[in-house]
Amino acid sequence: MSELHKIRDGRIKLDIGGHQFTTSLTSLTRDPASMLSAMFSGRHDLKTEADGSYFIDRDGTHFRYILNYLRDGMIKEGTLPLNDNLWRELLTEAEYYQLNDLTEYLSSLLYSKSTPEGDTFV
């Protein structure tokens, strides 16, 4: 059975910077323009770790937000902590994974926090 066929029929195990995640091909390929969609498109020869997981050398502490965004297709109100540093770090991850809508959303959050109320730019 081909590796891609095994992926399509079951769950995908990911090792993101030492953090383990299990998800579906549907979630990982929800955004067709993303790096994850390209990675799991079947066009690339992916190597698995001994435990069958796919290793990505990124920050695993933030990947849960990325994965929830892919599962839901959006960031639900109140699911991100009110923390500018987290937003910046998550923006870096969203840019890496080429999640353009998430990148725009996080950029707008950071921009709105950095612009005092009442200021207008012309």
Protein backbone atom coordinates (compact mmCIF):
# COMPACT_ATOMS: atom_id res chain seq x y z
CA MET A 1 0.00 0.00 0.00
CA SER A 2 1.43 3.39 -0.94
CA GLU A 3 2.24 5.95 1.75
CA LEU A 4 -0.28 8.41 0.32
CA HIS A 5 -2.99 5.73 0.29
CA LYS A 6 -2.28 5.00 3.96
CA ILE A 7 -2.56 8.71 4.74
CA ARG A 8 -5.87 9.08 2.93
CA ASP A 9 -7.34 6.12 4.80
CA GLY A 10 -6.43 7.20 8.30
CA ARG A 11 -4.97 9.65 10.69
CA ILE A 12 -1.76 11.55 10.21
CA LYS A 13 0.71 11.77 13.06
CA LEU A 14 2.87 14.88 13.18
CA ASP A 15 5.91 15.66 15.29
CA ILE A 16 6.20 19.44 15.37
CA GLY A 17 9.33 20.42 17.25
CA GLY A 18 8.93 17.47 19.62
CA HIS A 19 5.18 17.94 20.18
CA GLN A 20 2.92 15.15 18.90
CA PHE A 21 -0.30 15.88 16.99
CA THR A 22 -2.78 13.59 15.28
CA THR A 23 -5.07 14.93 12.59
CA SER A 24 -6.62 14.12 9.23
CA LEU A 25 -5.58 14.77 5.66
CA THR A 26 -8.72 16.87 5.28
CA SER A 27 -7.59 19.25 8.02
CA LEU A 28 -4.02 19.53 6.76
CA THR A 29 -5.12 20.28 3.21
CA ARG A 30 -8.05 22.62 4.03
CA ASP A 31 -6.12 25.66 2.73
CA PRO A 32 -4.98 24.64 -0.78
CA ALA A 33 -2.40 27.45 -0.95
CA SER A 34 -0.65 26.38 2.27
CA MET A 35 2.67 24.63 2.71
CA LEU A 36 0.94 21.77 4.55
CA SER A 37 -1.47 21.24 1.66
CA ALA A 38 1.46 21.09 -0.75
CA MET A 39 3.40 18.81 1.58
CA PHE A 40 0.56 16.28 1.84
CA SER A 41 -0.69 16.61 -1.75
CA GLY A 42 0.94 13.38 -2.84
CA ARG A 43 3.42 15.20 -5.08
CA HIS A 44 6.26 14.86 -2.57
CA ASP A 45 8.08 11.82 -1.25
CA LEU A 46 7.63 12.23 2.50
CA LYS A 47 9.79 10.37 4.97
CA THR A 48 8.34 9.21 8.25
CA GLU A 49 10.03 8.87 11.61
CA ALA A 50 10.37 5.45 13.27
CA ASP A 51 6.98 5.94 14.98
CA GLY A 52 5.29 6.75 11.66
CA SER A 53 5.04 10.49 12.30
CA TYR A 54 6.07 13.28 9.96
CA PHE A 55 8.61 15.64 11.52
CA ILE A 56 8.44 19.40 10.95
CA ASP A 57 11.12 21.47 12.65
CA ARG A 58 8.92 24.29 13.94
CA ASP A 59 7.53 25.55 17.25
CA GLY A 60 5.18 22.86 18.51
CA THR A 61 3.78 25.04 21.30
CA HIS A 62 1.97 27.19 18.72
CA PHE A 63 0.95 24.46 16.29
CA ARG A 64 -2.27 23.71 18.19
CA TYR A 65 -3.54 27.14 17.12
CA ILE A 66 -2.53 26.42 13.51
CA LEU A 67 -4.23 23.02 13.59
CA ASN A 68 -7.42 24.37 15.17
CA TYR A 69 -7.52 27.08 12.50
CA LEU A 70 -7.24 24.41 9.80
CA ARG A 71 -9.88 22.22 11.42
CA ASP A 72 -12.39 25.05 11.86
CA GLY A 73 -11.46 27.23 8.88
CA MET A 74 -11.28 30.23 11.20
CA ILE A 75 -10.08 31.50 14.55
CA LYS A 76 -13.01 31.41 16.94
CA GLU A 77 -13.53 34.50 19.08
CA GLY A 78 -11.78 34.19 22.42
CA THR A 79 -9.59 31.20 21.52
CA LEU A 80 -6.38 33.23 21.33
CA PRO A 81 -4.96 34.64 24.54
CA LEU A 82 -4.72 38.44 24.64
CA ASN A 83 -0.96 38.40 24.27
CA ASP A 84 0.87 40.46 21.66
CA ASN A 85 4.01 38.31 21.91
CA LEU A 86 2.00 35.14 21.22
CA TRP A 87 0.30 36.85 18.27
CA ARG A 88 3.70 37.81 16.80
CA GLU A 89 5.07 34.29 17.27
CA LEU A 90 1.91 32.79 15.80
CA LEU A 91 2.13 35.22 12.87
CA THR A 92 5.64 33.88 12.16
CA GLU A 93 4.27 30.33 12.16
CA ALA A 94 1.30 31.27 9.95
CA GLU A 95 3.71 32.88 7.47
CA TYR A 96 5.90 29.76 7.48
CA TYR A 97 2.92 27.49 6.78
CA GLN A 98 1.70 29.99 4.13
CA LEU A 99 -1.71 30.40 5.71
CA ASN A 100 -2.54 33.73 4.11
CA ASP A 101 -5.95 34.34 5.73
CA LEU A 102 -4.56 33.57 9.18
CA THR A 103 -1.56 35.81 8.48
CA GLU A 104 -3.88 38.68 7.54
CA TYR A 105 -6.05 38.12 10.61
CA LEU A 106 -3.08 38.12 13.01
CA SER A 107 -1.54 41.14 11.28
CA SER A 108 -4.82 43.03 11.73
CA LEU A 109 -4.90 42.10 15.44
CA LEU A 110 -1.38 43.39 15.94
CA TYR A 111 -2.07 46.53 13.90
CA SER A 112 -5.22 47.34 15.85
CA LYS A 113 -3.33 46.91 19.15
CA SER A 114 -0.50 49.18 17.98
CA THR A 115 -2.80 51.97 16.76
CA PRO A 116 -4.19 54.14 19.57
CA GLU A 117 -7.94 54.74 19.38
CA GLY A 118 -8.81 57.87 17.49
CA ASP A 119 -5.65 57.93 15.38
CA THR A 120 -6.35 58.15 11.69
CA PHE A 121 -3.84 57.54 8.97
CA VAL A 122 -4.32 59.36 5.69
